[in-house]
Full PDB file with SEQRES, HELIX, SHEET, SSBOND, CRYST1, ORIGX, SCALE, CONECT and MASTER records, all heavy atoms in Angstrom:
SEQRES   1 A   33  LEU VAL ALA GLY ARG CYS ALA SER THR THR HIS ILE ALA          
SEQRES   2 A   33  GLN ALA SER SER ARG VAL THR ALA GLN ALA LEU ALA MET          
SEQRES   3 A   33  GLY GLU ALA ALA GLY ILE LEU                                  
HELIX    1 AA1 GLN A   14  SER A   17  1                                   4    
HELIX    2 AA2 THR A   20  ILE A   32  1                                  13    
CRYST1    1.000    1.000    1.000  90.00  90.00  90.00 P 1           1          
ORIGX1      1.000000  0.000000  0.000000        0.00000                         
ORIGX2      0.000000  1.000000  0.000000        0.00000                         
ORIGX3      0.000000  0.000000  1.000000        0.00000                         
SCALE1      1.000000  0.000000  0.000000        0.00000                         
SCALE2      0.000000  1.000000  0.000000        0.00000                         
SCALE3      0.000000  0.000000  1.000000        0.00000                         
ATOM      1  N   LEU A   1     -24.327  31.246  27.432  1.00  0.00           N  
ATOM      2  CA  LEU A   1     -23.760  32.522  27.022  1.00  0.00           C  
ATOM      3  C   LEU A   1     -24.121  33.663  28.054  1.00  0.00           C  
ATOM      4  O   LEU A   1     -25.172  33.561  28.699  1.00  0.00           O  
ATOM      5  CB  LEU A   1     -24.278  32.920  25.696  1.00  0.00           C  
ATOM      6  CG  LEU A   1     -23.965  31.935  24.534  1.00  0.00           C  
ATOM      7  CD1 LEU A   1     -24.818  32.367  23.249  1.00  0.00           C  
ATOM      8  CD2 LEU A   1     -22.454  31.967  24.142  1.00  0.00           C  
ATOM      9  N   VAL A   2     -23.297  34.682  28.138  1.00  0.00           N  
ATOM     10  CA  VAL A   2     -23.673  35.883  28.918  1.00  0.00           C  
ATOM     11  C   VAL A   2     -23.403  37.099  27.886  1.00  0.00           C  
ATOM     12  O   VAL A   2     -22.731  37.093  26.945  1.00  0.00           O  
ATOM     13  CB  VAL A   2     -22.709  36.032  30.032  1.00  0.00           C  
ATOM     14  CG1 VAL A   2     -22.960  35.052  31.070  1.00  0.00           C  
ATOM     15  CG2 VAL A   2     -21.183  36.012  29.604  1.00  0.00           C  
ATOM     16  N   ALA A   3     -24.274  38.069  28.280  1.00  0.00           N  
ATOM     17  CA  ALA A   3     -24.270  39.415  27.532  1.00  0.00           C  
ATOM     18  C   ALA A   3     -24.599  40.426  28.395  1.00  0.00           C  
ATOM     19  O   ALA A   3     -25.455  40.285  29.333  1.00  0.00           O  
ATOM     20  CB  ALA A   3     -24.981  39.308  26.250  1.00  0.00           C  
ATOM     21  N   GLY A   4     -24.123  41.729  28.203  1.00  0.00           N  
ATOM     22  CA  GLY A   4     -24.446  42.832  28.992  1.00  0.00           C  
ATOM     23  C   GLY A   4     -23.284  43.073  30.056  1.00  0.00           C  
ATOM     24  O   GLY A   4     -22.233  42.690  29.886  1.00  0.00           O  
ATOM     25  N   ARG A   5     -23.711  43.639  31.222  1.00  0.00           N  
ATOM     26  CA  ARG A   5     -22.696  44.055  32.118  1.00  0.00           C  
ATOM     27  C   ARG A   5     -21.939  42.809  32.859  1.00  0.00           C  
ATOM     28  O   ARG A   5     -20.953  43.026  33.517  1.00  0.00           O  
ATOM     29  CB  ARG A   5     -23.186  44.979  33.254  1.00  0.00           C  
ATOM     30  CG  ARG A   5     -24.338  44.452  34.147  1.00  0.00           C  
ATOM     31  CD  ARG A   5     -24.647  45.524  35.101  1.00  0.00           C  
ATOM     32  NE  ARG A   5     -25.972  45.175  35.916  1.00  0.00           N  
ATOM     33  CZ  ARG A   5     -25.756  44.483  37.048  1.00  0.00           C  
ATOM     34  NH1 ARG A   5     -24.580  44.107  37.488  1.00  0.00           N  
ATOM     35  NH2 ARG A   5     -26.895  44.257  37.679  1.00  0.00           N  
ATOM     36  N   CYS A   6     -22.539  41.633  32.706  1.00  0.00           N  
ATOM     37  CA  CYS A   6     -21.922  40.441  33.401  1.00  0.00           C  
ATOM     38  C   CYS A   6     -20.925  39.714  32.369  1.00  0.00           C  
ATOM     39  O   CYS A   6     -20.532  38.663  32.698  1.00  0.00           O  
ATOM     40  CB  CYS A   6     -22.906  39.439  33.873  1.00  0.00           C  
ATOM     41  SG  CYS A   6     -24.079  38.837  32.653  1.00  0.00           S  
ATOM     42  N   ALA A   7     -20.784  40.300  31.227  1.00  0.00           N  
ATOM     43  CA  ALA A   7     -19.843  39.622  30.229  1.00  0.00           C  
ATOM     44  C   ALA A   7     -18.426  39.659  30.769  1.00  0.00           C  
ATOM     45  O   ALA A   7     -18.049  40.276  31.721  1.00  0.00           O  
ATOM     46  CB  ALA A   7     -19.994  40.336  28.910  1.00  0.00           C  
ATOM     47  N   SER A   8     -17.655  38.928  30.060  1.00  0.00           N  
ATOM     48  CA  SER A   8     -16.194  38.595  30.543  1.00  0.00           C  
ATOM     49  C   SER A   8     -15.316  39.765  30.245  1.00  0.00           C  
ATOM     50  O   SER A   8     -14.739  39.910  29.092  1.00  0.00           O  
ATOM     51  CB  SER A   8     -15.729  37.379  29.922  1.00  0.00           C  
ATOM     52  OG  SER A   8     -14.454  36.981  30.325  1.00  0.00           O  
ATOM     53  N   THR A   9     -15.114  40.637  31.312  1.00  0.00           N  
ATOM     54  CA  THR A   9     -14.174  41.733  31.172  1.00  0.00           C  
ATOM     55  C   THR A   9     -13.428  41.955  32.432  1.00  0.00           C  
ATOM     56  O   THR A   9     -13.778  41.352  33.456  1.00  0.00           O  
ATOM     57  CB  THR A   9     -14.841  43.097  30.771  1.00  0.00           C  
ATOM     58  OG1 THR A   9     -15.658  43.483  31.980  1.00  0.00           O  
ATOM     59  CG2 THR A   9     -15.911  42.825  29.622  1.00  0.00           C  
ATOM     60  N   THR A  10     -12.390  42.847  32.530  1.00  0.00           N  
ATOM     61  CA  THR A  10     -11.839  43.199  33.770  1.00  0.00           C  
ATOM     62  C   THR A  10     -12.810  44.338  34.444  1.00  0.00           C  
ATOM     63  O   THR A  10     -13.655  44.879  33.744  1.00  0.00           O  
ATOM     64  CB  THR A  10     -10.481  43.804  33.533  1.00  0.00           C  
ATOM     65  OG1 THR A  10     -10.558  45.005  32.791  1.00  0.00           O  
ATOM     66  CG2 THR A  10      -9.628  42.750  32.818  1.00  0.00           C  
ATOM     67  N   HIS A  11     -12.399  44.565  35.736  1.00  0.00           N  
ATOM     68  CA  HIS A  11     -13.169  45.493  36.447  1.00  0.00           C  
ATOM     69  C   HIS A  11     -13.172  46.932  35.813  1.00  0.00           C  
ATOM     70  O   HIS A  11     -14.325  47.507  35.743  1.00  0.00           O  
ATOM     71  CB  HIS A  11     -12.418  45.665  37.715  1.00  0.00           C  
ATOM     72  CG  HIS A  11     -12.763  46.639  38.714  1.00  0.00           C  
ATOM     73  ND1 HIS A  11     -14.130  46.877  39.159  1.00  0.00           N  
ATOM     74  CD2 HIS A  11     -12.113  47.695  39.409  1.00  0.00           C  
ATOM     75  CE1 HIS A  11     -14.241  47.771  39.911  1.00  0.00           C  
ATOM     76  NE2 HIS A  11     -12.963  48.355  40.163  1.00  0.00           N  
ATOM     77  N   ILE A  12     -12.090  47.363  35.293  1.00  0.00           N  
ATOM     78  CA  ILE A  12     -12.095  48.741  34.570  1.00  0.00           C  
ATOM     79  C   ILE A  12     -12.588  48.713  33.151  1.00  0.00           C  
ATOM     80  O   ILE A  12     -13.459  49.615  32.748  1.00  0.00           O  
ATOM     81  CB  ILE A  12     -10.699  49.382  34.633  1.00  0.00           C  
ATOM     82  CG1 ILE A  12     -10.159  49.460  36.063  1.00  0.00           C  
ATOM     83  CG2 ILE A  12     -10.615  50.620  33.903  1.00  0.00           C  
ATOM     84  CD1 ILE A  12     -11.091  50.475  36.859  1.00  0.00           C  
ATOM     85  N   ALA A  13     -12.350  47.684  32.508  1.00  0.00           N  
ATOM     86  CA  ALA A  13     -12.946  47.567  31.123  1.00  0.00           C  
ATOM     87  C   ALA A  13     -14.529  47.634  31.066  1.00  0.00           C  
ATOM     88  O   ALA A  13     -15.115  48.150  30.267  1.00  0.00           O  
ATOM     89  CB  ALA A  13     -12.421  46.209  30.355  1.00  0.00           C  
ATOM     90  N   GLN A  14     -15.007  46.906  32.148  1.00  0.00           N  
ATOM     91  CA  GLN A  14     -16.433  46.914  32.292  1.00  0.00           C  
ATOM     92  C   GLN A  14     -17.037  48.228  32.507  1.00  0.00           C  
ATOM     93  O   GLN A  14     -18.270  48.400  32.036  1.00  0.00           O  
ATOM     94  CB  GLN A  14     -16.812  45.900  33.441  1.00  0.00           C  
ATOM     95  CG  GLN A  14     -18.265  45.523  33.480  1.00  0.00           C  
ATOM     96  CD  GLN A  14     -19.097  46.378  34.522  1.00  0.00           C  
ATOM     97  OE1 GLN A  14     -18.610  47.325  35.117  1.00  0.00           O  
ATOM     98  NE2 GLN A  14     -20.255  45.965  34.749  1.00  0.00           N  
ATOM     99  N   ALA A  15     -16.363  49.126  33.034  1.00  0.00           N  
ATOM    100  CA  ALA A  15     -16.875  50.529  33.293  1.00  0.00           C  
ATOM    101  C   ALA A  15     -17.094  51.315  31.889  1.00  0.00           C  
ATOM    102  O   ALA A  15     -17.728  52.315  31.948  1.00  0.00           O  
ATOM    103  CB  ALA A  15     -15.874  51.349  34.158  1.00  0.00           C  
ATOM    104  N   SER A  16     -16.528  50.685  30.843  1.00  0.00           N  
ATOM    105  CA  SER A  16     -16.933  51.215  29.392  1.00  0.00           C  
ATOM    106  C   SER A  16     -17.926  50.272  28.738  1.00  0.00           C  
ATOM    107  O   SER A  16     -18.933  50.849  28.240  1.00  0.00           O  
ATOM    108  CB  SER A  16     -15.695  51.288  28.591  1.00  0.00           C  
ATOM    109  OG  SER A  16     -15.949  51.461  27.236  1.00  0.00           O  
ATOM    110  N   SER A  17     -17.740  49.030  28.791  1.00  0.00           N  
ATOM    111  CA  SER A  17     -18.555  48.092  27.981  1.00  0.00           C  
ATOM    112  C   SER A  17     -19.929  47.843  28.578  1.00  0.00           C  
ATOM    113  O   SER A  17     -20.759  47.255  27.848  1.00  0.00           O  
ATOM    114  CB  SER A  17     -17.860  46.781  27.981  1.00  0.00           C  
ATOM    115  OG  SER A  17     -17.789  46.078  29.125  1.00  0.00           O  
ATOM    116  N   ARG A  18     -20.341  48.310  29.870  1.00  0.00           N  
ATOM    117  CA  ARG A  18     -21.474  47.925  30.516  1.00  0.00           C  
ATOM    118  C   ARG A  18     -22.689  48.753  30.064  1.00  0.00           C  
ATOM    119  O   ARG A  18     -23.786  48.458  30.304  1.00  0.00           O  
ATOM    120  CB  ARG A  18     -21.402  48.050  32.014  1.00  0.00           C  
ATOM    121  CG  ARG A  18     -21.082  49.576  32.291  1.00  0.00           C  
ATOM    122  CD  ARG A  18     -21.077  49.702  33.999  1.00  0.00           C  
ATOM    123  NE  ARG A  18     -20.639  51.046  34.291  1.00  0.00           N  
ATOM    124  CZ  ARG A  18     -21.368  52.166  34.318  1.00  0.00           C  
ATOM    125  NH1 ARG A  18     -22.667  52.139  33.803  1.00  0.00           N  
ATOM    126  NH2 ARG A  18     -20.843  53.292  34.639  1.00  0.00           N  
ATOM    127  N   VAL A  19     -22.500  49.789  29.122  1.00  0.00           N  
ATOM    128  CA  VAL A  19     -23.557  50.748  28.901  1.00  0.00           C  
ATOM    129  C   VAL A  19     -24.629  50.110  27.838  1.00  0.00           C  
ATOM    130  O   VAL A  19     -24.266  49.146  27.161  1.00  0.00           O  
ATOM    131  CB  VAL A  19     -23.032  52.085  28.399  1.00  0.00           C  
ATOM    132  CG1 VAL A  19     -22.328  52.821  29.622  1.00  0.00           C  
ATOM    133  CG2 VAL A  19     -22.189  51.982  27.266  1.00  0.00           C  
ATOM    134  N   THR A  20     -25.715  50.813  27.663  1.00  0.00           N  
ATOM    135  CA  THR A  20     -26.847  50.312  26.900  1.00  0.00           C  
ATOM    136  C   THR A  20     -26.586  49.868  25.467  1.00  0.00           C  
ATOM    137  O   THR A  20     -26.926  48.817  25.144  1.00  0.00           O  
ATOM    138  CB  THR A  20     -28.022  51.295  26.865  1.00  0.00           C  
ATOM    139  OG1 THR A  20     -28.254  51.684  28.290  1.00  0.00           O  
ATOM    140  CG2 THR A  20     -29.227  50.706  26.222  1.00  0.00           C  
ATOM    141  N   ALA A  21     -25.940  50.722  24.760  1.00  0.00           N  
ATOM    142  CA  ALA A  21     -25.709  50.468  23.347  1.00  0.00           C  
ATOM    143  C   ALA A  21     -24.872  49.116  23.149  1.00  0.00           C  
ATOM    144  O   ALA A  21     -25.079  48.303  22.357  1.00  0.00           O  
ATOM    145  CB  ALA A  21     -24.921  51.582  22.619  1.00  0.00           C  
ATOM    146  N   GLN A  22     -23.771  49.009  24.023  1.00  0.00           N  
ATOM    147  CA  GLN A  22     -22.893  47.779  23.961  1.00  0.00           C  
ATOM    148  C   GLN A  22     -23.691  46.577  24.432  1.00  0.00           C  
ATOM    149  O   GLN A  22     -23.457  45.468  23.777  1.00  0.00           O  
ATOM    150  CB  GLN A  22     -21.640  47.920  24.683  1.00  0.00           C  
ATOM    151  CG  GLN A  22     -20.656  48.853  23.981  1.00  0.00           C  
ATOM    152  CD  GLN A  22     -21.069  50.259  23.542  1.00  0.00           C  
ATOM    153  OE1 GLN A  22     -21.430  51.042  24.430  1.00  0.00           O  
ATOM    154  NE2 GLN A  22     -21.072  50.472  22.299  1.00  0.00           N  
ATOM    155  N   ALA A  23     -24.592  46.758  25.406  1.00  0.00           N  
ATOM    156  CA  ALA A  23     -25.483  45.577  25.825  1.00  0.00           C  
ATOM    157  C   ALA A  23     -26.374  45.157  24.777  1.00  0.00           C  
ATOM    158  O   ALA A  23     -26.506  43.900  24.571  1.00  0.00           O  
ATOM    159  CB  ALA A  23     -26.310  45.966  27.051  1.00  0.00           C  
ATOM    160  N   LEU A  24     -26.848  46.136  23.897  1.00  0.00           N  
ATOM    161  CA  LEU A  24     -27.798  45.619  22.738  1.00  0.00           C  
ATOM    162  C   LEU A  24     -27.036  44.984  21.777  1.00  0.00           C  
ATOM    163  O   LEU A  24     -27.367  43.903  21.245  1.00  0.00           O  
ATOM    164  CB  LEU A  24     -28.361  46.990  22.272  1.00  0.00           C  
ATOM    165  CG  LEU A  24     -29.500  47.725  22.989  1.00  0.00           C  
ATOM    166  CD1 LEU A  24     -29.735  49.092  22.483  1.00  0.00           C  
ATOM    167  CD2 LEU A  24     -30.761  46.836  22.865  1.00  0.00           C  
ATOM    168  N   ALA A  25     -25.761  45.517  21.388  1.00  0.00           N  
ATOM    169  CA  ALA A  25     -24.973  44.769  20.400  1.00  0.00           C  
ATOM    170  C   ALA A  25     -24.511  43.477  20.848  1.00  0.00           C  
ATOM    171  O   ALA A  25     -24.514  42.407  19.973  1.00  0.00           O  
ATOM    172  CB  ALA A  25     -23.833  45.759  20.071  1.00  0.00           C  
ATOM    173  N   MET A  26     -24.016  43.334  22.132  1.00  0.00           N  
ATOM    174  CA  MET A  26     -23.554  41.953  22.574  1.00  0.00           C  
ATOM    175  C   MET A  26     -24.908  40.989  22.615  1.00  0.00           C  
ATOM    176  O   MET A  26     -24.689  39.872  22.278  1.00  0.00           O  
ATOM    177  CB  MET A  26     -22.981  42.034  24.012  1.00  0.00           C  
ATOM    178  CG  MET A  26     -21.727  42.571  24.196  1.00  0.00           C  
ATOM    179  SD  MET A  26     -21.004  42.496  25.854  1.00  0.00           S  
ATOM    180  CE  MET A  26     -21.393  44.082  26.521  1.00  0.00           C  
ATOM    181  N   GLY A  27     -25.998  41.506  23.100  1.00  0.00           N  
ATOM    182  CA  GLY A  27     -27.193  40.707  23.049  1.00  0.00           C  
ATOM    183  C   GLY A  27     -27.443  40.144  21.666  1.00  0.00           C  
ATOM    184  O   GLY A  27     -27.881  38.922  21.577  1.00  0.00           O  
ATOM    185  N   GLU A  28     -27.382  40.835  20.694  1.00  0.00           N  
ATOM    186  CA  GLU A  28     -27.850  40.522  19.314  1.00  0.00           C  
ATOM    187  C   GLU A  28     -26.808  39.351  18.841  1.00  0.00           C  
ATOM    188  O   GLU A  28     -27.224  38.366  18.298  1.00  0.00           O  
ATOM    189  CB  GLU A  28     -27.630  41.625  18.314  1.00  0.00           C  
ATOM    190  CG  GLU A  28     -28.083  41.322  16.897  1.00  0.00           C  
ATOM    191  CD  GLU A  28     -28.311  42.365  15.971  1.00  0.00           C  
ATOM    192  OE1 GLU A  28     -28.005  43.615  16.412  1.00  0.00           O  
ATOM    193  OE2 GLU A  28     -28.810  42.215  14.802  1.00  0.00           O  
ATOM    194  N   ALA A  29     -25.532  39.561  19.163  1.00  0.00           N  
ATOM    195  CA  ALA A  29     -24.545  38.472  18.813  1.00  0.00           C  
ATOM    196  C   ALA A  29     -24.865  37.261  19.661  1.00  0.00           C  
ATOM    197  O   ALA A  29     -24.806  36.051  18.998  1.00  0.00           O  
ATOM    198  CB  ALA A  29     -23.160  39.020  19.186  1.00  0.00           C  
ATOM    199  N   ALA A  30     -25.147  37.337  20.840  1.00  0.00           N  
ATOM    200  CA  ALA A  30     -25.471  36.111  21.701  1.00  0.00           C  
ATOM    201  C   ALA A  30     -26.695  35.406  21.235  1.00  0.00           C  
ATOM    202  O   ALA A  30     -26.736  34.188  21.192  1.00  0.00           O  
ATOM    203  CB  ALA A  30     -25.613  36.615  23.177  1.00  0.00           C  
ATOM    204  N   GLY A  31     -27.687  36.174  20.806  1.00  0.00           N  
ATOM    205  CA  GLY A  31     -28.935  35.486  20.268  1.00  0.00           C  
ATOM    206  C   GLY A  31     -28.735  34.794  18.897  1.00  0.00           C  
ATOM    207  O   GLY A  31     -29.156  33.708  18.771  1.00  0.00           O  
ATOM    208  N   ILE A  32     -27.874  35.370  18.091  1.00  0.00           N  
ATOM    209  CA  ILE A  32     -27.527  34.615  16.850  1.00  0.00           C  
ATOM    210  C   ILE A  32     -26.664  33.430  17.175  1.00  0.00           C  
ATOM    211  O   ILE A  32     -26.962  32.267  16.608  1.00  0.00           O  
ATOM    212  CB  ILE A  32     -26.644  35.581  16.006  1.00  0.00           C  
ATOM    213  CG1 ILE A  32     -27.585  36.747  15.390  1.00  0.00           C  
ATOM    214  CG2 ILE A  32     -26.020  34.855  14.798  1.00  0.00           C  
ATOM    215  CD1 ILE A  32     -26.913  37.846  14.623  1.00  0.00           C  
ATOM    216  N   LEU A  33     -25.671  33.551  17.930  1.00  0.00           N  
ATOM    217  CA  LEU A  33     -24.835  32.360  18.395  1.00  0.00           C  
ATOM    218  C   LEU A  33     -25.660  31.258  18.916  1.00  0.00           C  
ATOM    219  O   LEU A  33     -25.515  30.131  18.682  1.00  0.00           O  
ATOM    220  CB  LEU A  33     -23.814  32.755  19.232  1.00  0.00           C  
ATOM    221  CG  LEU A  33     -22.826  31.705  19.700  1.00  0.00           C  
ATOM    222  CD1 LEU A  33     -22.257  30.884  18.747  1.00  0.00           C  
ATOM    223  CD2 LEU A  33     -21.727  32.272  20.687  1.00  0.00           C  
TER     224      LEU A  33                                                      
MASTER        0    0    0    2    0    0    0    6  223    1    0    3          
END                                                                             
């Protein structure tokens, strides 16, 4: 699994999803999975 700024997004979408709060949220989901 991946989580944080290396997650599967496009170049421009990542410019939104890469920030701290979303990294925390993605990480929690990845840990559960």
